[in-house]
Amino acid sequence: MCNDETPMVKKAAASRLGRFSNVLSKEHVISDLIPVYKQLVKDEQDMIRILCIDSLVKLVECFNKEENQKYTLTVLLDAGEDKSWKVRLAIAKNFPDVFNSP
């Protein structure tokens, strides 16, 4: 679904990634979900990138501090420099929730 041509399908997938990560084992999140997530967060549609940022809040809950630095920090930093102000706003709104996670 994350590789679908239709933006609506990718939007639905991006909006559910965070919740999906909470039911997977950490190994599956790392091996299967993180690569797909990193692909979606670089999508050309800014709405998909925004939904990925919203999912990031749940995704960071799967990891400890060191793992978050390894797997999610680059996504967060890249989103902070995104060309779309909407994506940067989504980072700003979710910033406290992302950094209050383990």
PDB file of N, CA and C in Angstrom:
ATOM      1  N   MET A   1       0.810  -1.193   0.000  1.00  0.00           N
ATOM      2  CA  MET A   1       0.000   0.000   0.000  1.00  0.00           C
ATOM      3  C   MET A   1       0.859   1.265   0.000  1.00  0.00           C
ATOM      4  N   CYS A   2       2.002   1.204   0.626  1.00  0.00           N
ATOM      5  CA  CYS A   2       2.862   2.387   0.697  1.00  0.00           C
ATOM      6  C   CYS A   2       3.503   2.705  -0.647  1.00  0.00           C
ATOM      7  N   ASN A   3       3.550   1.751  -1.545  1.00  0.00           N
ATOM      8  CA  ASN A   3       4.125   1.965  -2.873  1.00  0.00           C
ATOM      9  C   ASN A   3       3.069   2.186  -3.940  1.00  0.00           C
ATOM     10  N   ASP A   4       1.824   2.300  -3.541  1.00  0.00           N
ATOM     11  CA  ASP A   4       0.725   2.466  -4.487  1.00  0.00           C
ATOM     12  C   ASP A   4       0.865   3.796  -5.230  1.00  0.00           C
ATOM     13  N   GLU A   5       0.377   3.814  -6.449  1.00  0.00           N
ATOM     14  CA  GLU A   5       0.417   5.028  -7.269  1.00  0.00           C
ATOM     15  C   GLU A   5      -0.592   6.079  -6.792  1.00  0.00           C
ATOM     16  N   THR A   6      -1.666   5.626  -6.176  1.00  0.00           N
ATOM     17  CA  THR A   6      -2.745   6.518  -5.772  1.00  0.00           C
ATOM     18  C   THR A   6      -2.407   7.234  -4.474  1.00  0.00           C
ATOM     19  N   PRO A   7      -2.402   8.555  -4.481  1.00  0.00           N
ATOM     20  CA  PRO A   7      -2.063   9.296  -3.264  1.00  0.00           C
ATOM     21  C   PRO A   7      -2.987   8.996  -2.079  1.00  0.00           C
ATOM     22  N   MET A   8      -4.253   8.734  -2.335  1.00  0.00           N
ATOM     23  CA  MET A   8      -5.176   8.450  -1.239  1.00  0.00           C
ATOM     24  C   MET A   8      -4.784   7.173  -0.502  1.00  0.00           C
ATOM     25  N   VAL A   9      -4.300   6.185  -1.225  1.00  0.00           N
ATOM     26  CA  VAL A   9      -3.877   4.933  -0.602  1.00  0.00           C
ATOM     27  C   VAL A   9      -2.619   5.171   0.230  1.00  0.00           C
ATOM     28  N   LYS A  10      -1.680   5.926  -0.320  1.00  0.00           N
ATOM     29  CA  LYS A  10      -0.455   6.234   0.429  1.00  0.00           C
ATOM     30  C   LYS A  10      -0.768   7.079   1.659  1.00  0.00           C
ATOM     31  N   LYS A  11      -1.731   7.982   1.550  1.00  0.00           N
ATOM     32  CA  LYS A  11      -2.128   8.788   2.703  1.00  0.00           C
ATOM     33  C   LYS A  11      -2.685   7.904   3.813  1.00  0.00           C
ATOM     34  N   ALA A  12      -3.529   6.961   3.436  1.00  0.00           N
ATOM     35  CA  ALA A  12      -4.093   6.046   4.432  1.00  0.00           C
ATOM     36  C   ALA A  12      -2.996   5.222   5.099  1.00  0.00           C
ATOM     37  N   ALA A  13      -2.057   4.747   4.312  1.00  0.00           N
ATOM     38  CA  ALA A  13      -0.953   3.958   4.866  1.00  0.00           C
ATOM     39  C   ALA A  13      -0.087   4.809   5.788  1.00  0.00           C
ATOM     40  N   ALA A  14       0.232   6.018   5.373  1.00  0.00           N
ATOM     41  CA  ALA A  14       1.079   6.893   6.177  1.00  0.00           C
ATOM     42  C   ALA A  14       0.418   7.262   7.497  1.00  0.00           C
ATOM     43  N   SER A  15      -0.884   7.424   7.481  1.00  0.00           N
ATOM     44  CA  SER A  15      -1.585   7.817   8.703  1.00  0.00           C
ATOM     45  C   SER A  15      -1.691   6.671   9.700  1.00  0.00           C
ATOM     46  N   ARG A  16      -1.537   5.433   9.245  1.00  0.00           N
ATOM     47  CA  ARG A  16      -1.672   4.273  10.132  1.00  0.00           C
ATOM     48  C   ARG A  16      -0.335   3.651  10.534  1.00  0.00           C
ATOM     49  N   LEU A  17       0.760   4.126   9.986  1.00  0.00           N
ATOM     50  CA  LEU A  17       2.056   3.518  10.284  1.00  0.00           C
ATOM     51  C   LEU A  17       2.396   3.552  11.768  1.00  0.00           C
ATOM     52  N   GLY A  18       2.120   4.639  12.414  1.00  0.00           N
ATOM     53  CA  GLY A  18       2.435   4.752  13.832  1.00  0.00           C
ATOM     54  C   GLY A  18       1.680   3.748  14.674  1.00  0.00           C
ATOM     55  N   ARG A  19       0.406   3.631  14.438  1.00  0.00           N
ATOM     56  CA  ARG A  19      -0.395   2.658  15.196  1.00  0.00           C
ATOM     57  C   ARG A  19       0.025   1.234  14.860  1.00  0.00           C
ATOM     58  N   PHE A  20       0.374   0.996  13.620  1.00  0.00           N
ATOM     59  CA  PHE A  20       0.807  -0.326  13.186  1.00  0.00           C
ATOM     60  C   PHE A  20       2.112  -0.720  13.871  1.00  0.00           C
ATOM     61  N   SER A  21       2.969   0.248  14.094  1.00  0.00           N
ATOM     62  CA  SER A  21       4.262  -0.041  14.727  1.00  0.00           C
ATOM     63  C   SER A  21       4.105  -0.522  16.161  1.00  0.00           C
ATOM     64  N   ASN A  22       3.026  -0.140  16.814  1.00  0.00           N
ATOM     65  CA  ASN A  22       2.815  -0.535  18.199  1.00  0.00           C
ATOM     66  C   ASN A  22       2.395  -1.989  18.362  1.00  0.00           C
ATOM     67  N   VAL A  23       1.976  -2.644  17.289  1.00  0.00           N
ATOM     68  CA  VAL A  23       1.570  -4.045  17.389  1.00  0.00           C
ATOM     69  C   VAL A  23       2.609  -4.999  16.804  1.00  0.00           C
ATOM     70  N   LEU A  24       3.664  -4.449  16.229  1.00  0.00           N
ATOM     71  CA  LEU A  24       4.739  -5.271  15.672  1.00  0.00           C
ATOM     72  C   LEU A  24       5.865  -5.422  16.684  1.00  0.00           C
ATOM     73  N   SER A  25       6.643  -6.463  16.517  1.00  0.00           N
ATOM     74  CA  SER A  25       7.843  -6.594  17.344  1.00  0.00           C
ATOM     75  C   SER A  25       8.860  -5.549  16.893  1.00  0.00           C
ATOM     76  N   LYS A  26       9.777  -5.224  17.770  1.00  0.00           N
ATOM     77  CA  LYS A  26      10.783  -4.211  17.462  1.00  0.00           C
ATOM     78  C   LYS A  26      11.611  -4.620  16.243  1.00  0.00           C
ATOM     79  N   GLU A  27      11.904  -5.893  16.111  1.00  0.00           N
ATOM     80  CA  GLU A  27      12.685  -6.373  14.975  1.00  0.00           C
ATOM     81  C   GLU A  27      11.956  -6.130  13.655  1.00  0.00           C
ATOM     82  N   HIS A  28      10.638  -6.354  13.646  1.00  0.00           N
ATOM     83  CA  HIS A  28       9.861  -6.116  12.427  1.00  0.00           C
ATOM     84  C   HIS A  28       9.725  -4.625  12.123  1.00  0.00           C
ATOM     85  N   VAL A  29       9.629  -3.838  13.154  1.00  0.00           N
ATOM     86  CA  VAL A  29       9.561  -2.387  12.943  1.00  0.00           C
ATOM     87  C   VAL A  29      10.845  -1.917  12.275  1.00  0.00           C
ATOM     88  N   ILE A  30      11.981  -2.389  12.784  1.00  0.00           N
ATOM     89  CA  ILE A  30      13.271  -1.979  12.245  1.00  0.00           C
ATOM     90  C   ILE A  30      13.479  -2.503  10.822  1.00  0.00           C
ATOM     91  N   SER A  31      13.199  -3.776  10.612  1.00  0.00           N
ATOM     92  CA  SER A  31      13.501  -4.376   9.305  1.00  0.00           C
ATOM     93  C   SER A  31      12.457  -4.077   8.236  1.00  0.00           C
ATOM     94  N   ASP A  32      11.201  -3.957   8.624  1.00  0.00           N
ATOM     95  CA  ASP A  32      10.134  -3.817   7.629  1.00  0.00           C
ATOM     96  C   ASP A  32       9.509  -2.423   7.576  1.00  0.00           C
ATOM     97  N   LEU A  33       9.262  -1.839   8.721  1.00  0.00           N
ATOM     98  CA  LEU A  33       8.504  -0.591   8.757  1.00  0.00           C
ATOM     99  C   LEU A  33       9.372   0.654   8.559  1.00  0.00           C
ATOM    100  N   ILE A  34      10.547   0.683   9.133  1.00  0.00           N
ATOM    101  CA  ILE A  34      11.412   1.866   9.019  1.00  0.00           C
ATOM    102  C   ILE A  34      11.788   2.157   7.570  1.00  0.00           C
ATOM    103  N   PRO A  35      12.187   1.164   6.756  1.00  0.00           N
ATOM    104  CA  PRO A  35      12.494   1.480   5.347  1.00  0.00           C
ATOM    105  C   PRO A  35      11.296   2.046   4.585  1.00  0.00           C
ATOM    106  N   VAL A  36      10.120   1.505   4.835  1.00  0.00           N
ATOM    107  CA  VAL A  36       8.908   2.005   4.175  1.00  0.00           C
ATOM    108  C   VAL A  36       8.591   3.409   4.669  1.00  0.00           C
ATOM    109  N   TYR A  37       8.765   3.618   5.955  1.00  0.00           N
ATOM    110  CA  TYR A  37       8.514   4.932   6.537  1.00  0.00           C
ATOM    111  C   TYR A  37       9.445   5.983   5.929  1.00  0.00           C
ATOM    112  N   LYS A  38      10.718   5.642   5.821  1.00  0.00           N
ATOM    113  CA  LYS A  38      11.683   6.587   5.255  1.00  0.00           C
ATOM    114  C   LYS A  38      11.387   6.897   3.791  1.00  0.00           C
ATOM    115  N   GLN A  39      10.809   5.943   3.092  1.00  0.00           N
ATOM    116  CA  GLN A  39      10.402   6.176   1.702  1.00  0.00           C
ATOM    117  C   GLN A  39       9.201   7.124   1.661  1.00  0.00           C
ATOM    118  N   LEU A  40       8.229   6.905   2.519  1.00  0.00           N
ATOM    119  CA  LEU A  40       7.027   7.741   2.529  1.00  0.00           C
ATOM    120  C   LEU A  40       7.324   9.169   2.976  1.00  0.00           C
ATOM    121  N   VAL A  41       8.239   9.325   3.903  1.00  0.00           N
ATOM    122  CA  VAL A  41       8.529  10.663   4.415  1.00  0.00           C
ATOM    123  C   VAL A  41       9.234  11.522   3.368  1.00  0.00           C
ATOM    124  N   LYS A  42       9.687  10.914   2.289  1.00  0.00           N
ATOM    125  CA  LYS A  42      10.306  11.659   1.186  1.00  0.00           C
ATOM    126  C   LYS A  42       9.384  11.748  -0.030  1.00  0.00           C
ATOM    127  N   ASP A  43       8.119  11.431   0.143  1.00  0.00           N
ATOM    128  CA  ASP A  43       7.162  11.457  -0.951  1.00  0.00           C
ATOM    129  C   ASP A  43       6.991  12.880  -1.474  1.00  0.00           C
ATOM    130  N   GLU A  44       6.591  12.998  -2.720  1.00  0.00           N
ATOM    131  CA  GLU A  44       6.410  14.316  -3.326  1.00  0.00           C
ATOM    132  C   GLU A  44       5.189  15.055  -2.785  1.00  0.00           C
ATOM    133  N   GLN A  45       4.207  14.338  -2.276  1.00  0.00           N
ATOM    134  CA  GLN A  45       2.994  14.958  -1.737  1.00  0.00           C
ATOM    135  C   GLN A  45       3.240  15.397  -0.294  1.00  0.00           C
ATOM    136  N   ASP A  46       3.047  16.668  -0.011  1.00  0.00           N
ATOM    137  CA  ASP A  46       3.310  17.138   1.349  1.00  0.00           C
ATOM    138  C   ASP A  46       2.330  16.569   2.363  1.00  0.00           C
ATOM    139  N   MET A  47       1.108  16.248   1.961  1.00  0.00           N
ATOM    140  CA  MET A  47       0.143  15.677   2.900  1.00  0.00           C
ATOM    141  C   MET A  47       0.608  14.312   3.395  1.00  0.00           C
ATOM    142  N   ILE A  48       1.230  13.550   2.546  1.00  0.00           N
ATOM    143  CA  ILE A  48       1.751  12.240   2.948  1.00  0.00           C
ATOM    144  C   ILE A  48       2.899  12.438   3.938  1.00  0.00           C
ATOM    145  N   ARG A  49       3.752  13.402   3.685  1.00  0.00           N
ATOM    146  CA  ARG A  49       4.855  13.683   4.598  1.00  0.00           C
ATOM    147  C   ARG A  49       4.325  14.174   5.951  1.00  0.00           C
ATOM    148  N   ILE A  50       3.264  14.954   5.946  1.00  0.00           N
ATOM    149  CA  ILE A  50       2.657  15.430   7.192  1.00  0.00           C
ATOM    150  C   ILE A  50       2.098  14.256   7.989  1.00  0.00           C
ATOM    151  N   LEU A  51       1.417  13.357   7.319  1.00  0.00           N
ATOM    152  CA  LEU A  51       0.860  12.194   8.004  1.00  0.00           C
ATOM    153  C   LEU A  51       1.965  11.308   8.573  1.00  0.00           C
ATOM    154  N   CYS A  52       3.093  11.260   7.894  1.00  0.00           N
ATOM    155  CA  CYS A  52       4.242  10.511   8.420  1.00  0.00           C
ATOM    156  C   CYS A  52       4.754  11.141   9.704  1.00  0.00           C
ATOM    157  N   ILE A  53       4.758  12.455   9.774  1.00  0.00           N
ATOM    158  CA  ILE A  53       5.206  13.144  10.986  1.00  0.00           C
ATOM    159  C   ILE A  53       4.240  12.846  12.129  1.00  0.00           C
ATOM    160  N   ASP A  54       2.951  12.828  11.839  1.00  0.00           N
ATOM    161  CA  ASP A  54       1.971  12.475  12.864  1.00  0.00           C
ATOM    162  C   ASP A  54       2.187  11.039  13.348  1.00  0.00           C
ATOM    163  N   SER A  55       2.566  10.148  12.444  1.00  0.00           N
ATOM    164  CA  SER A  55       2.839   8.760  12.816  1.00  0.00           C
ATOM    165  C   SER A  55       4.143   8.612  13.587  1.00  0.00           C
ATOM    166  N   LEU A  56       5.032   9.573  13.429  1.00  0.00           N
ATOM    167  CA  LEU A  56       6.323   9.522  14.109  1.00  0.00           C
ATOM    168  C   LEU A  56       6.165   9.494  15.623  1.00  0.00           C
ATOM    169  N   VAL A  57       5.142  10.166  16.127  1.00  0.00           N
ATOM    170  CA  VAL A  57       4.905  10.203  17.569  1.00  0.00           C
ATOM    171  C   VAL A  57       4.738   8.791  18.112  1.00  0.00           C
ATOM    172  N   LYS A  58       3.980   7.972  17.438  1.00  0.00           N
ATOM    173  CA  LYS A  58       3.778   6.580  17.866  1.00  0.00           C
ATOM    174  C   LYS A  58       4.998   5.723  17.573  1.00  0.00           C
ATOM    175  N   LEU A  59       5.679   6.020  16.501  1.00  0.00           N
ATOM    176  CA  LEU A  59       6.835   5.228  16.106  1.00  0.00           C
ATOM    177  C   LEU A  59       7.972   5.354  17.118  1.00  0.00           C
ATOM    178  N   VAL A  60       8.198   6.545  17.633  1.00  0.00           N
ATOM    179  CA  VAL A  60       9.297   6.726  18.586  1.00  0.00           C
ATOM    180  C   VAL A  60       9.048   6.000  19.902  1.00  0.00           C
ATOM    181  N   GLU A  61       7.803   5.682  20.189  1.00  0.00           N
ATOM    182  CA  GLU A  61       7.487   4.956  21.410  1.00  0.00           C
ATOM    183  C   GLU A  61       8.005   3.520  21.385  1.00  0.00           C
ATOM    184  N   CYS A  62       8.313   3.014  20.201  1.00  0.00           N
ATOM    185  CA  CYS A  62       8.807   1.642  20.061  1.00  0.00           C
ATOM    186  C   CYS A  62      10.269   1.506  20.463  1.00  0.00           C
ATOM    187  N   PHE A  63      10.979   2.607  20.513  1.00  0.00           N
ATOM    188  CA  PHE A  63      12.428   2.570  20.690  1.00  0.00           C
ATOM    189  C   PHE A  63      12.865   3.274  21.963  1.00  0.00           C
ATOM    190  N   ASN A  64      14.064   2.909  22.414  1.00  0.00           N
ATOM    191  CA  ASN A  64      14.678   3.655  23.506  1.00  0.00           C
ATOM    192  C   ASN A  64      15.440   4.836  22.903  1.00  0.00           C
ATOM    193  N   LYS A  65      16.120   5.598  23.734  1.00  0.00           N
ATOM    194  CA  LYS A  65      16.774   6.828  23.280  1.00  0.00           C
ATOM    195  C   LYS A  65      17.828   6.559  22.206  1.00  0.00           C
ATOM    196  N   GLU A  66      18.661   5.566  22.411  1.00  0.00           N
ATOM    197  CA  GLU A  66      19.724   5.260  21.450  1.00  0.00           C
ATOM    198  C   GLU A  66      19.147   4.784  20.114  1.00  0.00           C
ATOM    199  N   GLU A  67      18.118   3.969  20.178  1.00  0.00           N
ATOM    200  CA  GLU A  67      17.484   3.477  18.944  1.00  0.00           C
ATOM    201  C   GLU A  67      16.785   4.604  18.199  1.00  0.00           C
ATOM    202  N   ASN A  68      16.179   5.521  18.937  1.00  0.00           N
ATOM    203  CA  ASN A  68      15.556   6.679  18.284  1.00  0.00           C
ATOM    204  C   ASN A  68      16.591   7.527  17.576  1.00  0.00           C
ATOM    205  N   GLN A  69      17.750   7.690  18.182  1.00  0.00           N
ATOM    206  CA  GLN A  69      18.812   8.446  17.523  1.00  0.00           C
ATOM    207  C   GLN A  69      19.239   7.755  16.234  1.00  0.00           C
ATOM    208  N   LYS A  70      19.235   6.444  16.248  1.00  0.00           N
ATOM    209  CA  LYS A  70      19.681   5.691  15.076  1.00  0.00           C
ATOM    210  C   LYS A  70      18.620   5.638  13.969  1.00  0.00           C
ATOM    211  N   TYR A  71      17.353   5.476  14.343  1.00  0.00           N
ATOM    212  CA  TYR A  71      16.320   5.213  13.341  1.00  0.00           C
ATOM    213  C   TYR A  71      15.395   6.379  13.023  1.00  0.00           C
ATOM    214  N   THR A  72      15.176   7.279  13.947  1.00  0.00           N
ATOM    215  CA  THR A  72      14.172   8.327  13.697  1.00  0.00           C
ATOM    216  C   THR A  72      14.722   9.750  13.688  1.00  0.00           C
ATOM    217  N   LEU A  73      15.889   9.971  14.226  1.00  0.00           N
ATOM    218  CA  LEU A  73      16.417  11.325  14.318  1.00  0.00           C
ATOM    219  C   LEU A  73      16.646  11.955  12.945  1.00  0.00           C
ATOM    220  N   THR A  74      17.169  11.188  12.001  1.00  0.00           N
ATOM    221  CA  THR A  74      17.411  11.750  10.664  1.00  0.00           C
ATOM    222  C   THR A  74      16.101  12.152   9.993  1.00  0.00           C
ATOM    223  N   VAL A  75      15.061  11.362  10.212  1.00  0.00           N
ATOM    224  CA  VAL A  75      13.746  11.706   9.655  1.00  0.00           C
ATOM    225  C   VAL A  75      13.268  13.023  10.247  1.00  0.00           C
ATOM    226  N   LEU A  76      13.438  13.173  11.524  1.00  0.00           N
ATOM    227  CA  LEU A  76      13.011  14.389  12.206  1.00  0.00           C
ATOM    228  C   LEU A  76      13.795  15.607  11.730  1.00  0.00           C
ATOM    229  N   LEU A  77      15.089  15.467  11.607  1.00  0.00           N
ATOM    230  CA  LEU A  77      15.926  16.574  11.146  1.00  0.00           C
ATOM    231  C   LEU A  77      15.615  16.953   9.700  1.00  0.00           C
ATOM    232  N   ASP A  78      15.427  15.953   8.849  1.00  0.00           N
ATOM    233  CA  ASP A  78      15.076  16.232   7.451  1.00  0.00           C
ATOM    234  C   ASP A  78      13.727  16.929   7.341  1.00  0.00           C
ATOM    235  N   ALA A  79      12.773  16.501   8.154  1.00  0.00           N
ATOM    236  CA  ALA A  79      11.448  17.122   8.109  1.00  0.00           C
ATOM    237  C   ALA A  79      11.502  18.568   8.588  1.00  0.00           C
ATOM    238  N   GLY A  80      12.408  18.856   9.498  1.00  0.00           N
ATOM    239  CA  GLY A  80      12.564  20.236   9.972  1.00  0.00           C
ATOM    240  C   GLY A  80      13.082  21.166   8.897  1.00  0.00           C
ATOM    241  N   GLU A  81      13.689  20.608   7.864  1.00  0.00           N
ATOM    242  CA  GLU A  81      14.202  21.403   6.748  1.00  0.00           C
ATOM    243  C   GLU A  81      13.396  21.183   5.470  1.00  0.00           C
ATOM    244  N   ASP A  82      12.218  20.622   5.607  1.00  0.00           N
ATOM    245  CA  ASP A  82      11.375  20.320   4.450  1.00  0.00           C
ATOM    246  C   ASP A  82      11.000  21.597   3.709  1.00  0.00           C
ATOM    247  N   LYS A  83      10.794  21.469   2.406  1.00  0.00           N
ATOM    248  CA  LYS A  83      10.434  22.634   1.588  1.00  0.00           C
ATOM    249  C   LYS A  83       9.024  23.140   1.874  1.00  0.00           C
ATOM    250  N   SER A  84       8.177  22.278   2.434  1.00  0.00           N
ATOM    251  CA  SER A  84       6.797  22.654   2.719  1.00  0.00           C
ATOM    252  C   SER A  84       6.662  23.188   4.148  1.00  0.00           C
ATOM    253  N   TRP A  85       6.078  24.366   4.265  1.00  0.00           N
ATOM    254  CA  TRP A  85       5.866  24.929   5.589  1.00  0.00           C
ATOM    255  C   TRP A  85       4.894  24.084   6.393  1.00  0.00           C
ATOM    256  N   LYS A  86       4.015  23.371   5.720  1.00  0.00           N
ATOM    257  CA  LYS A  86       3.043  22.526   6.419  1.00  0.00           C
ATOM    258  C   LYS A  86       3.728  21.370   7.138  1.00  0.00           C
ATOM    259  N   VAL A  87       4.746  20.808   6.507  1.00  0.00           N
ATOM    260  CA  VAL A  87       5.498  19.716   7.133  1.00  0.00           C
ATOM    261  C   VAL A  87       6.276  20.265   8.332  1.00  0.00           C
ATOM    262  N   ARG A  88       6.890  21.410   8.168  1.00  0.00           N
ATOM    263  CA  ARG A  88       7.637  22.015   9.280  1.00  0.00           C
ATOM    264  C   ARG A  88       6.700  22.366  10.431  1.00  0.00           C
ATOM    265  N   LEU A  89       5.481  22.800  10.112  1.00  0.00           N
ATOM    266  CA  LEU A  89       4.489  23.083  11.148  1.00  0.00           C
ATOM    267  C   LEU A  89       4.092  21.799  11.880  1.00  0.00           C
ATOM    268  N   ALA A  90       3.943  20.708  11.141  1.00  0.00           N
ATOM    269  CA  ALA A  90       3.607  19.423  11.768  1.00  0.00           C
ATOM    270  C   ALA A  90       4.702  18.989  12.736  1.00  0.00           C
ATOM    271  N   ILE A  91       5.968  19.233  12.363  1.00  0.00           N
ATOM    272  CA  ILE A  91       7.082  18.930  13.270  1.00  0.00           C
ATOM    273  C   ILE A  91       6.970  19.785  14.525  1.00  0.00           C
ATOM    274  N   ALA A  92       6.707  21.060  14.350  1.00  0.00           N
ATOM    275  CA  ALA A  92       6.611  21.961  15.500  1.00  0.00           C
ATOM    276  C   ALA A  92       5.475  21.542  16.438  1.00  0.00           C
ATOM    277  N   LYS A  93       4.342  21.159  15.874  1.00  0.00           N
ATOM    278  CA  LYS A  93       3.202  20.751  16.698  1.00  0.00           C
ATOM    279  C   LYS A  93       3.475  19.450  17.448  1.00  0.00           C
ATOM    280  N   ASN A  94       4.199  18.541  16.825  1.00  0.00           N
ATOM    281  CA  ASN A  94       4.446  17.228  17.431  1.00  0.00           C
ATOM    282  C   ASN A  94       5.770  17.156  18.200  1.00  0.00           C
ATOM    283  N   PHE A  95       6.531  18.224  18.169  1.00  0.00           N
ATOM    284  CA  PHE A  95       7.848  18.232  18.790  1.00  0.00           C
ATOM    285  C   PHE A  95       7.839  17.799  20.258  1.00  0.00           C
ATOM    286  N   PRO A  96       6.952  18.362  21.097  1.00  0.00           N
ATOM    287  CA  PRO A  96       6.948  17.934  22.510  1.00  0.00           C
ATOM    288  C   PRO A  96       6.618  16.457  22.672  1.00  0.00           C
ATOM    289  N   ASP A  97       5.690  15.948  21.886  1.00  0.00           N
ATOM    290  CA  ASP A  97       5.309  14.538  22.012  1.00  0.00           C
ATOM    291  C   ASP A  97       6.430  13.618  21.571  1.00  0.00           C
ATOM    292  N   VAL A  98       7.161  14.014  20.544  1.00  0.00           N
ATOM    293  CA  VAL A  98       8.262  13.186  20.062  1.00  0.00           C
ATOM    294  C   VAL A  98       9.383  13.149  21.095  1.00  0.00           C
ATOM    295  N   PHE A  99       9.692  14.266  21.705  1.00  0.00           N
ATOM    296  CA  PHE A  99      10.824  14.314  22.625  1.00  0.00           C
ATOM    297  C   PHE A  99      10.469  13.915  24.043  1.00  0.00           C
ATOM    298  N   ASN A 100       9.202  13.768  24.358  1.00  0.00           N
ATOM    299  CA  ASN A 100       8.813  13.269  25.667  1.00  0.00           C
ATOM    300  C   ASN A 100       8.706  11.759  25.687  1.00  0.00           C
ATOM    301  N   SER A 101       8.903  11.133  24.535  1.00  0.00           N
ATOM    302  CA  SER A 101       8.887   9.682  24.454  1.00  0.00           C
ATOM    303  C   SER A 101      10.190   9.146  25.015  1.00  0.00           C
ATOM    304  N   PRO A 102      10.221   7.838  25.316  1.00  0.00           N
ATOM    305  CA  PRO A 102      11.427   7.233  25.925  1.00  0.00           C
ATOM    306  C   PRO A 102      12.692   7.493  25.207  1.00  0.00           C
TER     307      PRO A 102
END
